[in-house]
Every structure is written in C-alpha cells, then in structure tokens.
Amino acid sequence: MTVNELIEALKDLVDSDEENGELSVMVSSDYGDHGHTEQLDNILEVAGPTIPVESGHSNSGWAYPRHDEEEGEENVDGPENGVRRRSKVIALRSREQED
C-alpha cells in the first residue's frame, strides 16, 4: 500500500461516517503463534522515509533498521554488513527499540 492509497482509504472511512475520524488507529500483525493470533499495537510514531532491511525474524522478510549507538558511532544494518535492503518506506512504528 502506498501513502496515497492509505490517505484515500482513510478519507473513504471518514466520508462514510464522520465519527470514524475520531477512532484510534492501531497496527495489526500475525503474532506467529500456532493459532495465528492477530495482535494490535498502538502506533507510537510515523517514521520515515526509511529503508527496511532483510530479516529472517519477520513474516514479511523485512524489518525496521536497528540503530545501535556504540562509543558515539552509529552502526546501521546495511549492505556493508551483508544485509539486503529495499526501497524506502514509511513505517507506522508500534514499539520502541530496545537497547
């Protein structure tokens, strides 16, 4: 889904019922358990544009890039570390990165 498609879908929701404009927005994803629980998380921020990195820990195969600060230097997962990237995306971030 593109940003323009998301905007259009949200406009359609509000146009169908003005009260929809006051609803909370959450992000859902498959928890990955045996029953495929659909978890809902609050959106903490709209981040981006950013370039996701390949991840074997993600159902989509992509993850938000990890930024580790070590001794004042920022290390970002990327091609120089053998990680494949894709084009830029907008991320609806639902969890803060852990240190």
PDB file of N, CA and C in Angstrom:
ATOM      1  N   MET A   1       0.850  -1.174   0.000  1.00  0.00           N
ATOM      2  CA  MET A   1       0.000   0.000   0.000  1.00  0.00           C
ATOM      3  C   MET A   1       0.894   1.234   0.000  1.00  0.00           C
ATOM      4  N   THR A   2       0.549   2.188  -0.810  1.00  0.00           N
ATOM      5  CA  THR A   2       1.315   3.435  -0.866  1.00  0.00           C
ATOM      6  C   THR A   2       0.718   4.454   0.105  1.00  0.00           C
ATOM      7  N   VAL A   3       1.455   5.523   0.377  1.00  0.00           N
ATOM      8  CA  VAL A   3       0.954   6.603   1.230  1.00  0.00           C
ATOM      9  C   VAL A   3      -0.332   7.166   0.646  1.00  0.00           C
ATOM     10  N   ASN A   4      -0.369   7.404  -0.676  1.00  0.00           N
ATOM     11  CA  ASN A   4      -1.578   7.937  -1.315  1.00  0.00           C
ATOM     12  C   ASN A   4      -2.767   6.994  -1.172  1.00  0.00           C
ATOM     13  N   GLU A   5      -2.530   5.680  -1.290  1.00  0.00           N
ATOM     14  CA  GLU A   5      -3.610   4.707  -1.119  1.00  0.00           C
ATOM     15  C   GLU A   5      -4.124   4.712   0.321  1.00  0.00           C
ATOM     16  N   LEU A   6      -3.222   4.836   1.288  1.00  0.00           N
ATOM     17  CA  LEU A   6      -3.614   4.907   2.698  1.00  0.00           C
ATOM     18  C   LEU A   6      -4.445   6.154   2.964  1.00  0.00           C
ATOM     19  N   ILE A   7      -4.005   7.289   2.442  1.00  0.00           N
ATOM     20  CA  ILE A   7      -4.753   8.539   2.612  1.00  0.00           C
ATOM     21  C   ILE A   7      -6.152   8.402   2.019  1.00  0.00           C
ATOM     22  N   GLU A   8      -6.240   7.822   0.832  1.00  0.00           N
ATOM     23  CA  GLU A   8      -7.534   7.644   0.178  1.00  0.00           C
ATOM     24  C   GLU A   8      -8.440   6.720   0.998  1.00  0.00           C
ATOM     25  N   ALA A   9      -7.892   5.613   1.515  1.00  0.00           N
ATOM     26  CA  ALA A   9      -8.686   4.685   2.323  1.00  0.00           C
ATOM     27  C   ALA A   9      -9.182   5.364   3.595  1.00  0.00           C
ATOM     28  N   LEU A  10      -8.339   6.173   4.227  1.00  0.00           N
ATOM     29  CA  LEU A  10      -8.751   6.890   5.436  1.00  0.00           C
ATOM     30  C   LEU A  10      -9.819   7.931   5.120  1.00  0.00           C
ATOM     31  N   LYS A  11      -9.665   8.629   3.995  1.00  0.00           N
ATOM     32  CA  LYS A  11     -10.686   9.603   3.577  1.00  0.00           C
ATOM     33  C   LYS A  11     -12.020   8.906   3.348  1.00  0.00           C
ATOM     34  N   ASP A  12     -11.993   7.732   2.700  1.00  0.00           N
ATOM     35  CA  ASP A  12     -13.221   6.978   2.448  1.00  0.00           C
ATOM     36  C   ASP A  12     -13.906   6.591   3.758  1.00  0.00           C
ATOM     37  N   LEU A  13     -13.106   6.179   4.763  1.00  0.00           N
ATOM     38  CA  LEU A  13     -13.670   5.825   6.071  1.00  0.00           C
ATOM     39  C   LEU A  13     -14.359   7.013   6.726  1.00  0.00           C
ATOM     40  N   VAL A  14     -13.723   8.171   6.663  1.00  0.00           N
ATOM     41  CA  VAL A  14     -14.294   9.375   7.271  1.00  0.00           C
ATOM     42  C   VAL A  14     -15.506   9.847   6.474  1.00  0.00           C
ATOM     43  N   ASP A  15     -15.433   9.758   5.136  1.00  0.00           N
ATOM     44  CA  ASP A  15     -16.557  10.169   4.299  1.00  0.00           C
ATOM     45  C   ASP A  15     -17.794   9.303   4.551  1.00  0.00           C
ATOM     46  N   SER A  16     -17.584   8.019   4.878  1.00  0.00           N
ATOM     47  CA  SER A  16     -18.718   7.121   5.110  1.00  0.00           C
ATOM     48  C   SER A  16     -19.390   7.396   6.449  1.00  0.00           C
ATOM     49  N   ASP A  17     -18.638   7.937   7.408  1.00  0.00           N
ATOM     50  CA  ASP A  17     -19.191   8.267   8.725  1.00  0.00           C
ATOM     51  C   ASP A  17     -18.205   9.203   9.415  1.00  0.00           C
ATOM     52  N   GLU A  18     -18.601  10.440   9.625  1.00  0.00           N
ATOM     53  CA  GLU A  18     -17.696  11.444  10.203  1.00  0.00           C
ATOM     54  C   GLU A  18     -17.119  11.009  11.539  1.00  0.00           C
ATOM     55  N   GLU A  19     -17.863  10.216  12.312  1.00  0.00           N
ATOM     56  CA  GLU A  19     -17.373   9.758  13.616  1.00  0.00           C
ATOM     57  C   GLU A  19     -16.129   8.885  13.473  1.00  0.00           C
ATOM     58  N   ASN A  20     -15.945   8.256  12.308  1.00  0.00           N
ATOM     59  CA  ASN A  20     -14.753   7.424  12.089  1.00  0.00           C
ATOM     60  C   ASN A  20     -13.469   8.238  12.205  1.00  0.00           C
ATOM     61  N   GLY A  21     -13.548   9.547  11.966  1.00  0.00           N
ATOM     62  CA  GLY A  21     -12.366  10.397  12.066  1.00  0.00           C
ATOM     63  C   GLY A  21     -11.820  10.510  13.479  1.00  0.00           C
ATOM     64  N   GLU A  22     -12.615  10.129  14.485  1.00  0.00           N
ATOM     65  CA  GLU A  22     -12.185  10.191  15.882  1.00  0.00           C
ATOM     66  C   GLU A  22     -11.728   8.841  16.426  1.00  0.00           C
ATOM     67  N   LEU A  23     -11.775   7.793  15.602  1.00  0.00           N
ATOM     68  CA  LEU A  23     -11.365   6.461  16.051  1.00  0.00           C
ATOM     69  C   LEU A  23      -9.852   6.384  16.198  1.00  0.00           C
ATOM     70  N   SER A  24      -9.392   5.551  17.127  1.00  0.00           N
ATOM     71  CA  SER A  24      -7.958   5.294  17.287  1.00  0.00           C
ATOM     72  C   SER A  24      -7.473   4.452  16.111  1.00  0.00           C
ATOM     73  N   VAL A  25      -6.227   4.646  15.729  1.00  0.00           N
ATOM     74  CA  VAL A  25      -5.603   3.851  14.671  1.00  0.00           C
ATOM     75  C   VAL A  25      -4.552   2.965  15.321  1.00  0.00           C
ATOM     76  N   MET A  26      -4.601   1.685  14.990  1.00  0.00           N
ATOM     77  CA  MET A  26      -3.636   0.721  15.520  1.00  0.00           C
ATOM     78  C   MET A  26      -3.052  -0.048  14.345  1.00  0.00           C
ATOM     79  N   VAL A  27      -1.973  -0.743  14.584  1.00  0.00           N
ATOM     80  CA  VAL A  27      -1.364  -1.583  13.561  1.00  0.00           C
ATOM     81  C   VAL A  27      -1.536  -3.038  13.999  1.00  0.00           C
ATOM     82  N   SER A  28      -1.845  -3.908  13.038  1.00  0.00           N
ATOM     83  CA  SER A  28      -2.036  -5.320  13.378  1.00  0.00           C
ATOM     84  C   SER A  28      -1.004  -6.164  12.645  1.00  0.00           C
ATOM     85  N   SER A  29      -0.681  -7.286  13.262  1.00  0.00           N
ATOM     86  CA  SER A  29       0.219  -8.246  12.620  1.00  0.00           C
ATOM     87  C   SER A  29      -0.011  -9.617  13.239  1.00  0.00           C
ATOM     88  N   ASP A  30       0.329 -10.629  12.472  1.00  0.00           N
ATOM     89  CA  ASP A  30       0.209 -12.006  12.939  1.00  0.00           C
ATOM     90  C   ASP A  30       1.307 -12.244  13.970  1.00  0.00           C
ATOM     91  N   TYR A  31       0.918 -12.681  15.155  1.00  0.00           N
ATOM     92  CA  TYR A  31       1.878 -12.907  16.244  1.00  0.00           C
ATOM     93  C   TYR A  31       2.845 -14.042  15.910  1.00  0.00           C
ATOM     94  N   GLY A  32       2.443 -14.922  15.006  1.00  0.00           N
ATOM     95  CA  GLY A  32       3.320 -16.021  14.593  1.00  0.00           C
ATOM     96  C   GLY A  32       3.152 -17.276  15.429  1.00  0.00           C
ATOM     97  N   ASP A  33       2.152 -17.303  16.294  1.00  0.00           N
ATOM     98  CA  ASP A  33       1.926 -18.496  17.104  1.00  0.00           C
ATOM     99  C   ASP A  33       1.099 -19.513  16.316  1.00  0.00           C
ATOM    100  N   HIS A  34       0.837 -20.660  16.930  1.00  0.00           N
ATOM    101  CA  HIS A  34       0.117 -21.749  16.256  1.00  0.00           C
ATOM    102  C   HIS A  34      -1.272 -21.303  15.792  1.00  0.00           C
ATOM    103  N   GLY A  35      -1.957 -20.483  16.589  1.00  0.00           N
ATOM    104  CA  GLY A  35      -3.298 -20.036  16.238  1.00  0.00           C
ATOM    105  C   GLY A  35      -3.327 -18.782  15.387  1.00  0.00           C
ATOM    106  N   HIS A  36      -2.159 -18.261  15.016  1.00  0.00           N
ATOM    107  CA  HIS A  36      -2.034 -17.035  14.209  1.00  0.00           C
ATOM    108  C   HIS A  36      -2.815 -15.874  14.818  1.00  0.00           C
ATOM    109  N   THR A  37      -2.576 -15.641  16.110  1.00  0.00           N
ATOM    110  CA  THR A  37      -3.216 -14.536  16.816  1.00  0.00           C
ATOM    111  C   THR A  37      -2.901 -13.227  16.112  1.00  0.00           C
ATOM    112  N   GLU A  38      -3.934 -12.438  15.824  1.00  0.00           N
ATOM    113  CA  GLU A  38      -3.767 -11.123  15.195  1.00  0.00           C
ATOM    114  C   GLU A  38      -3.617 -10.102  16.317  1.00  0.00           C
ATOM    115  N   GLN A  39      -2.381  -9.666  16.559  1.00  0.00           N
ATOM    116  CA  GLN A  39      -2.151  -8.705  17.639  1.00  0.00           C
ATOM    117  C   GLN A  39      -2.348  -7.282  17.147  1.00  0.00           C
ATOM    118  N   LEU A  40      -2.804  -6.409  18.037  1.00  0.00           N
ATOM    119  CA  LEU A  40      -2.973  -4.993  17.744  1.00  0.00           C
ATOM    120  C   LEU A  40      -2.041  -4.193  18.636  1.00  0.00           C
ATOM    121  N   ASP A  41      -1.332  -3.252  18.052  1.00  0.00           N
ATOM    122  CA  ASP A  41      -0.434  -2.377  18.801  1.00  0.00           C
ATOM    123  C   ASP A  41      -0.778  -0.929  18.504  1.00  0.00           C
ATOM    124  N   ASN A  42      -0.627  -0.073  19.516  1.00  0.00           N
ATOM    125  CA  ASN A  42      -0.781   1.364  19.307  1.00  0.00           C
ATOM    126  C   ASN A  42       0.349   1.871  18.427  1.00  0.00           C
ATOM    127  N   ILE A  43       0.077   2.876  17.643  1.00  0.00           N
ATOM    128  CA  ILE A  43       1.110   3.496  16.814  1.00  0.00           C
ATOM    129  C   ILE A  43       1.774   4.578  17.651  1.00  0.00           C
ATOM    130  N   LEU A  44       3.089   4.455  17.851  1.00  0.00           N
ATOM    131  CA  LEU A  44       3.832   5.438  18.623  1.00  0.00           C
ATOM    132  C   LEU A  44       4.276   6.610  17.774  1.00  0.00           C
ATOM    133  N   GLU A  45       4.574   6.335  16.494  1.00  0.00           N
ATOM    134  CA  GLU A  45       5.039   7.399  15.611  1.00  0.00           C
ATOM    135  C   GLU A  45       4.933   6.954  14.163  1.00  0.00           C
ATOM    136  N   VAL A  46       4.894   7.934  13.287  1.00  0.00           N
ATOM    137  CA  VAL A  46       5.008   7.685  11.856  1.00  0.00           C
ATOM    138  C   VAL A  46       6.441   8.039  11.508  1.00  0.00           C
ATOM    139  N   ALA A  47       7.216   7.034  11.145  1.00  0.00           N
ATOM    140  CA  ALA A  47       8.648   7.227  10.904  1.00  0.00           C
ATOM    141  C   ALA A  47       8.958   7.024   9.435  1.00  0.00           C
ATOM    142  N   GLY A  48       9.828   7.829   8.937  1.00  0.00           N
ATOM    143  CA  GLY A  48      10.252   7.615   7.579  1.00  0.00           C
ATOM    144  C   GLY A  48      10.419   8.913   6.835  1.00  0.00           C
ATOM    145  N   PRO A  49      10.766   8.827   5.607  1.00  0.00           N
ATOM    146  CA  PRO A  49      11.014   7.563   4.934  1.00  0.00           C
ATOM    147  C   PRO A  49      12.279   6.883   5.461  1.00  0.00           C
ATOM    148  N   THR A  50      12.230   5.570   5.495  1.00  0.00           N
ATOM    149  CA  THR A  50      13.368   4.776   5.938  1.00  0.00           C
ATOM    150  C   THR A  50      13.522   3.591   5.005  1.00  0.00           C
ATOM    151  N   ILE A  51      14.677   2.999   4.999  1.00  0.00           N
ATOM    152  CA  ILE A  51      14.941   1.842   4.149  1.00  0.00           C
ATOM    153  C   ILE A  51      14.971   0.604   5.034  1.00  0.00           C
ATOM    154  N   PRO A  52      13.968  -0.309   4.891  1.00  0.00           N
ATOM    155  CA  PRO A  52      13.963  -1.516   5.713  1.00  0.00           C
ATOM    156  C   PRO A  52      15.096  -2.457   5.327  1.00  0.00           C
ATOM    157  N   VAL A  53      15.421  -3.362   6.243  1.00  0.00           N
ATOM    158  CA  VAL A  53      16.470  -4.342   5.991  1.00  0.00           C
ATOM    159  C   VAL A  53      15.861  -5.741   6.001  1.00  0.00           C
ATOM    160  N   GLU A  54      16.519  -6.643   5.315  1.00  0.00           N
ATOM    161  CA  GLU A  54      16.075  -8.029   5.255  1.00  0.00           C
ATOM    162  C   GLU A  54      16.168  -8.658   6.640  1.00  0.00           C
ATOM    163  N   SER A  55      15.149  -9.478   6.995  1.00  0.00           N
ATOM    164  CA  SER A  55      15.149 -10.110   8.305  1.00  0.00           C
ATOM    165  C   SER A  55      14.465 -11.467   8.235  1.00  0.00           C
ATOM    166  N   GLY A  56      15.124 -12.471   8.769  1.00  0.00           N
ATOM    167  CA  GLY A  56      14.534 -13.799   8.864  1.00  0.00           C
ATOM    168  C   GLY A  56      13.573 -13.913  10.038  1.00  0.00           C
ATOM    169  N   HIS A  57      13.499 -12.870  10.868  1.00  0.00           N
ATOM    170  CA  HIS A  57      12.628 -12.879  12.042  1.00  0.00           C
ATOM    171  C   HIS A  57      11.293 -12.212  11.769  1.00  0.00           C
ATOM    172  N   SER A  58      11.039 -11.812  10.538  1.00  0.00           N
ATOM    173  CA  SER A  58       9.829 -11.077  10.179  1.00  0.00           C
ATOM    174  C   SER A  58       9.026 -11.871   9.163  1.00  0.00           C
ATOM    175  N   ASN A  59       7.693 -11.921   9.346  1.00  0.00           N
ATOM    176  CA  ASN A  59       6.843 -12.628   8.380  1.00  0.00           C
ATOM    177  C   ASN A  59       6.967 -12.046   6.981  1.00  0.00           C
ATOM    178  N   SER A  60       7.180 -10.720   6.890  1.00  0.00           N
ATOM    179  CA  SER A  60       7.295 -10.078   5.581  1.00  0.00           C
ATOM    180  C   SER A  60       8.683 -10.263   4.975  1.00  0.00           C
ATOM    181  N   GLY A  61       9.638 -10.650   5.806  1.00  0.00           N
ATOM    182  CA  GLY A  61      11.019 -10.750   5.351  1.00  0.00           C
ATOM    183  C   GLY A  61      11.784  -9.446   5.497  1.00  0.00           C
ATOM    184  N   TRP A  62      11.112  -8.403   6.041  1.00  0.00           N
ATOM    185  CA  TRP A  62      11.721  -7.086   6.197  1.00  0.00           C
ATOM    186  C   TRP A  62      11.566  -6.597   7.629  1.00  0.00           C
ATOM    187  N   ALA A  63      12.501  -5.779   8.075  1.00  0.00           N
ATOM    188  CA  ALA A  63      12.458  -5.230   9.428  1.00  0.00           C
ATOM    189  C   ALA A  63      12.872  -3.767   9.408  1.00  0.00           C
ATOM    190  N   TYR A  64      12.449  -3.050  10.445  1.00  0.00           N
ATOM    191  CA  TYR A  64      12.880  -1.670  10.630  1.00  0.00           C
ATOM    192  C   TYR A  64      14.369  -1.716  10.971  1.00  0.00           C
ATOM    193  N   PRO A  65      15.204  -0.875  10.361  1.00  0.00           N
ATOM    194  CA  PRO A  65      16.643  -0.944  10.625  1.00  0.00           C
ATOM    195  C   PRO A  65      16.958  -0.641  12.089  1.00  0.00           C
ATOM    196  N   ARG A  66      17.894  -1.411  12.645  1.00  0.00           N
ATOM    197  CA  ARG A  66      18.335  -1.202  14.024  1.00  0.00           C
ATOM    198  C   ARG A  66      19.448  -0.178  14.037  1.00  0.00           C
ATOM    199  N   HIS A  67      19.354   0.772  14.914  1.00  0.00           N
ATOM    200  CA  HIS A  67      20.388   1.784  15.072  1.00  0.00           C
ATOM    201  C   HIS A  67      21.008   1.598  16.443  1.00  0.00           C
ATOM    202  N   ASP A  68      22.235   1.081  16.481  1.00  0.00           N
ATOM    203  CA  ASP A  68      22.943   0.889  17.746  1.00  0.00           C
ATOM    204  C   ASP A  68      23.987   1.975  17.892  1.00  0.00           C
ATOM    205  N   GLU A  69      23.956   2.635  19.005  1.00  0.00           N
ATOM    206  CA  GLU A  69      24.975   3.646  19.263  1.00  0.00           C
ATOM    207  C   GLU A  69      26.016   3.047  20.192  1.00  0.00           C
ATOM    208  N   GLU A  70      27.244   3.032  19.723  1.00  0.00           N
ATOM    209  CA  GLU A  70      28.328   2.456  20.492  1.00  0.00           C
ATOM    210  C   GLU A  70      29.510   3.409  20.440  1.00  0.00           C
ATOM    211  N   GLU A  71      29.895   3.919  21.580  1.00  0.00           N
ATOM    212  CA  GLU A  71      31.013   4.850  21.668  1.00  0.00           C
ATOM    213  C   GLU A  71      30.853   6.020  20.711  1.00  0.00           C
ATOM    214  N   GLY A  72      29.635   6.564  20.631  1.00  0.00           N
ATOM    215  CA  GLY A  72      29.398   7.751  19.821  1.00  0.00           C
ATOM    216  C   GLY A  72      29.256   7.494  18.337  1.00  0.00           C
ATOM    217  N   GLU A  73      29.402   6.249  17.889  1.00  0.00           N
ATOM    218  CA  GLU A  73      29.267   5.938  16.469  1.00  0.00           C
ATOM    219  C   GLU A  73      27.945   5.230  16.236  1.00  0.00           C
ATOM    220  N   GLU A  74      27.297   5.565  15.141  1.00  0.00           N
ATOM    221  CA  GLU A  74      26.034   4.923  14.801  1.00  0.00           C
ATOM    222  C   GLU A  74      26.300   3.812  13.800  1.00  0.00           C
ATOM    223  N   ASN A  75      25.891   2.590  14.142  1.00  0.00           N
ATOM    224  CA  ASN A  75      26.033   1.451  13.246  1.00  0.00           C
ATOM    225  C   ASN A  75      24.644   1.053  12.770  1.00  0.00           C
ATOM    226  N   VAL A  76      24.443   1.044  11.475  1.00  0.00           N
ATOM    227  CA  VAL A  76      23.144   0.708  10.905  1.00  0.00           C
ATOM    228  C   VAL A  76      23.294  -0.579  10.107  1.00  0.00           C
ATOM    229  N   ASP A  77      22.362  -1.518  10.323  1.00  0.00           N
ATOM    230  CA  ASP A  77      22.364  -2.719   9.500  1.00  0.00           C
ATOM    231  C   ASP A  77      22.296  -2.288   8.044  1.00  0.00           C
ATOM    232  N   GLY A  78      23.091  -2.869   7.195  1.00  0.00           N
ATOM    233  CA  GLY A  78      23.056  -2.471   5.796  1.00  0.00           C
ATOM    234  C   GLY A  78      23.895  -3.372   4.926  1.00  0.00           C
ATOM    235  N   PRO A  79      23.990  -3.023   3.635  1.00  0.00           N
ATOM    236  CA  PRO A  79      24.711  -3.862   2.679  1.00  0.00           C
ATOM    237  C   PRO A  79      26.157  -4.118   3.081  1.00  0.00           C
ATOM    238  N   GLU A  80      26.776  -3.133   3.734  1.00  0.00           N
ATOM    239  CA  GLU A  80      28.159  -3.325   4.143  1.00  0.00           C
ATOM    240  C   GLU A  80      28.302  -4.451   5.162  1.00  0.00           C
ATOM    241  N   ASN A  81      27.189  -4.826   5.801  1.00  0.00           N
ATOM    242  CA  ASN A  81      27.182  -5.932   6.764  1.00  0.00           C
ATOM    243  C   ASN A  81      26.504  -7.165   6.175  1.00  0.00           C
ATOM    244  N   GLY A  82      26.353  -7.197   4.852  1.00  0.00           N
ATOM    245  CA  GLY A  82      25.739  -8.337   4.176  1.00  0.00           C
ATOM    246  C   GLY A  82      24.224  -8.377   4.280  1.00  0.00           C
ATOM    247  N   VAL A  83      23.588  -7.246   4.576  1.00  0.00           N
ATOM    248  CA  VAL A  83      22.131  -7.180   4.721  1.00  0.00           C
ATOM    249  C   VAL A  83      21.541  -6.527   3.483  1.00  0.00           C
ATOM    250  N   ARG A  84      20.560  -7.200   2.854  1.00  0.00           N
ATOM    251  CA  ARG A  84      19.900  -6.683   1.652  1.00  0.00           C
ATOM    252  C   ARG A  84      18.866  -5.636   2.051  1.00  0.00           C
ATOM    253  N   ARG A  85      18.769  -4.561   1.266  1.00  0.00           N
ATOM    254  CA  ARG A  85      17.790  -3.502   1.518  1.00  0.00           C
ATOM    255  C   ARG A  85      16.809  -3.399   0.371  1.00  0.00           C
ATOM    256  N   ARG A  86      15.687  -2.733   0.604  1.00  0.00           N
ATOM    257  CA  ARG A  86      14.701  -2.466  -0.439  1.00  0.00           C
ATOM    258  C   ARG A  86      14.468  -0.970  -0.508  1.00  0.00           C
ATOM    259  N   SER A  87      13.529  -0.533  -1.336  1.00  0.00           N
ATOM    260  CA  SER A  87      13.281   0.894  -1.478  1.00  0.00           C
ATOM    261  C   SER A  87      12.686   1.474  -0.194  1.00  0.00           C
ATOM    262  N   LYS A  88      12.685   2.812  -0.106  1.00  0.00           N
ATOM    263  CA  LYS A  88      12.220   3.499   1.095  1.00  0.00           C
ATOM    264  C   LYS A  88      10.748   3.218   1.380  1.00  0.00           C
ATOM    265  N   VAL A  89      10.416   3.217   2.669  1.00  0.00           N
ATOM    266  CA  VAL A  89       9.036   3.023   3.118  1.00  0.00           C
ATOM    267  C   VAL A  89       8.732   4.013   4.240  1.00  0.00           C
ATOM    268  N   ILE A  90       7.455   4.194   4.523  1.00  0.00           N
ATOM    269  CA  ILE A  90       7.001   4.915   5.709  1.00  0.00           C
ATOM    270  C   ILE A  90       6.621   3.842   6.720  1.00  0.00           C
ATOM    271  N   ALA A  91       7.109   3.940   7.934  1.00  0.00           N
ATOM    272  CA  ALA A  91       6.825   2.938   8.959  1.00  0.00           C
ATOM    273  C   ALA A  91       5.894   3.504  10.017  1.00  0.00           C
ATOM    274  N   LEU A  92       4.824   2.772  10.323  1.00  0.00           N
ATOM    275  CA  LEU A  92       3.972   3.094  11.457  1.00  0.00           C
ATOM    276  C   LEU A  92       4.537   2.299  12.623  1.00  0.00           C
ATOM    277  N   ARG A  93       5.380   2.942  13.416  1.00  0.00           N
ATOM    278  CA  ARG A  93       6.112   2.239  14.478  1.00  0.00           C
ATOM    279  C   ARG A  93       5.222   2.034  15.690  1.00  0.00           C
ATOM    280  N   SER A  94       5.200   0.795  16.178  1.00  0.00           N
ATOM    281  CA  SER A  94       4.338   0.470  17.293  1.00  0.00           C
ATOM    282  C   SER A  94       5.102   0.142  18.572  1.00  0.00           C
ATOM    283  N   ARG A  95       6.393  -0.023  18.469  1.00  0.00           N
ATOM    284  CA  ARG A  95       7.185  -0.359  19.653  1.00  0.00           C
ATOM    285  C   ARG A  95       8.502   0.386  19.603  1.00  0.00           C
ATOM    286  N   GLU A  96       8.958   0.797  20.761  1.00  0.00           N
ATOM    287  CA  GLU A  96      10.252   1.453  20.835  1.00  0.00           C
ATOM    288  C   GLU A  96      11.339   0.415  20.723  1.00  0.00           C
ATOM    289  N   GLN A  97      12.453   0.792  20.111  1.00  0.00           N
ATOM    290  CA  GLN A  97      13.573  -0.136  20.000  1.00  0.00           C
ATOM    291  C   GLN A  97      14.202  -0.304  21.370  1.00  0.00           C
ATOM    292  N   GLU A  98      14.546  -1.563  21.680  1.00  0.00           N
ATOM    293  CA  GLU A  98      15.194  -1.851  22.949  1.00  0.00           C
ATOM    294  C   GLU A  98      16.691  -1.684  22.796  1.00  0.00           C
ATOM    295  N   ASP A  99      17.338  -1.259  23.869  1.00  0.00           N
ATOM    296  CA  ASP A  99      18.800  -1.087  23.838  1.00  0.00           C
ATOM    297  C   ASP A  99      19.514  -2.411  23.896  1.00  0.00           C
TER     298      ASP A  99
END
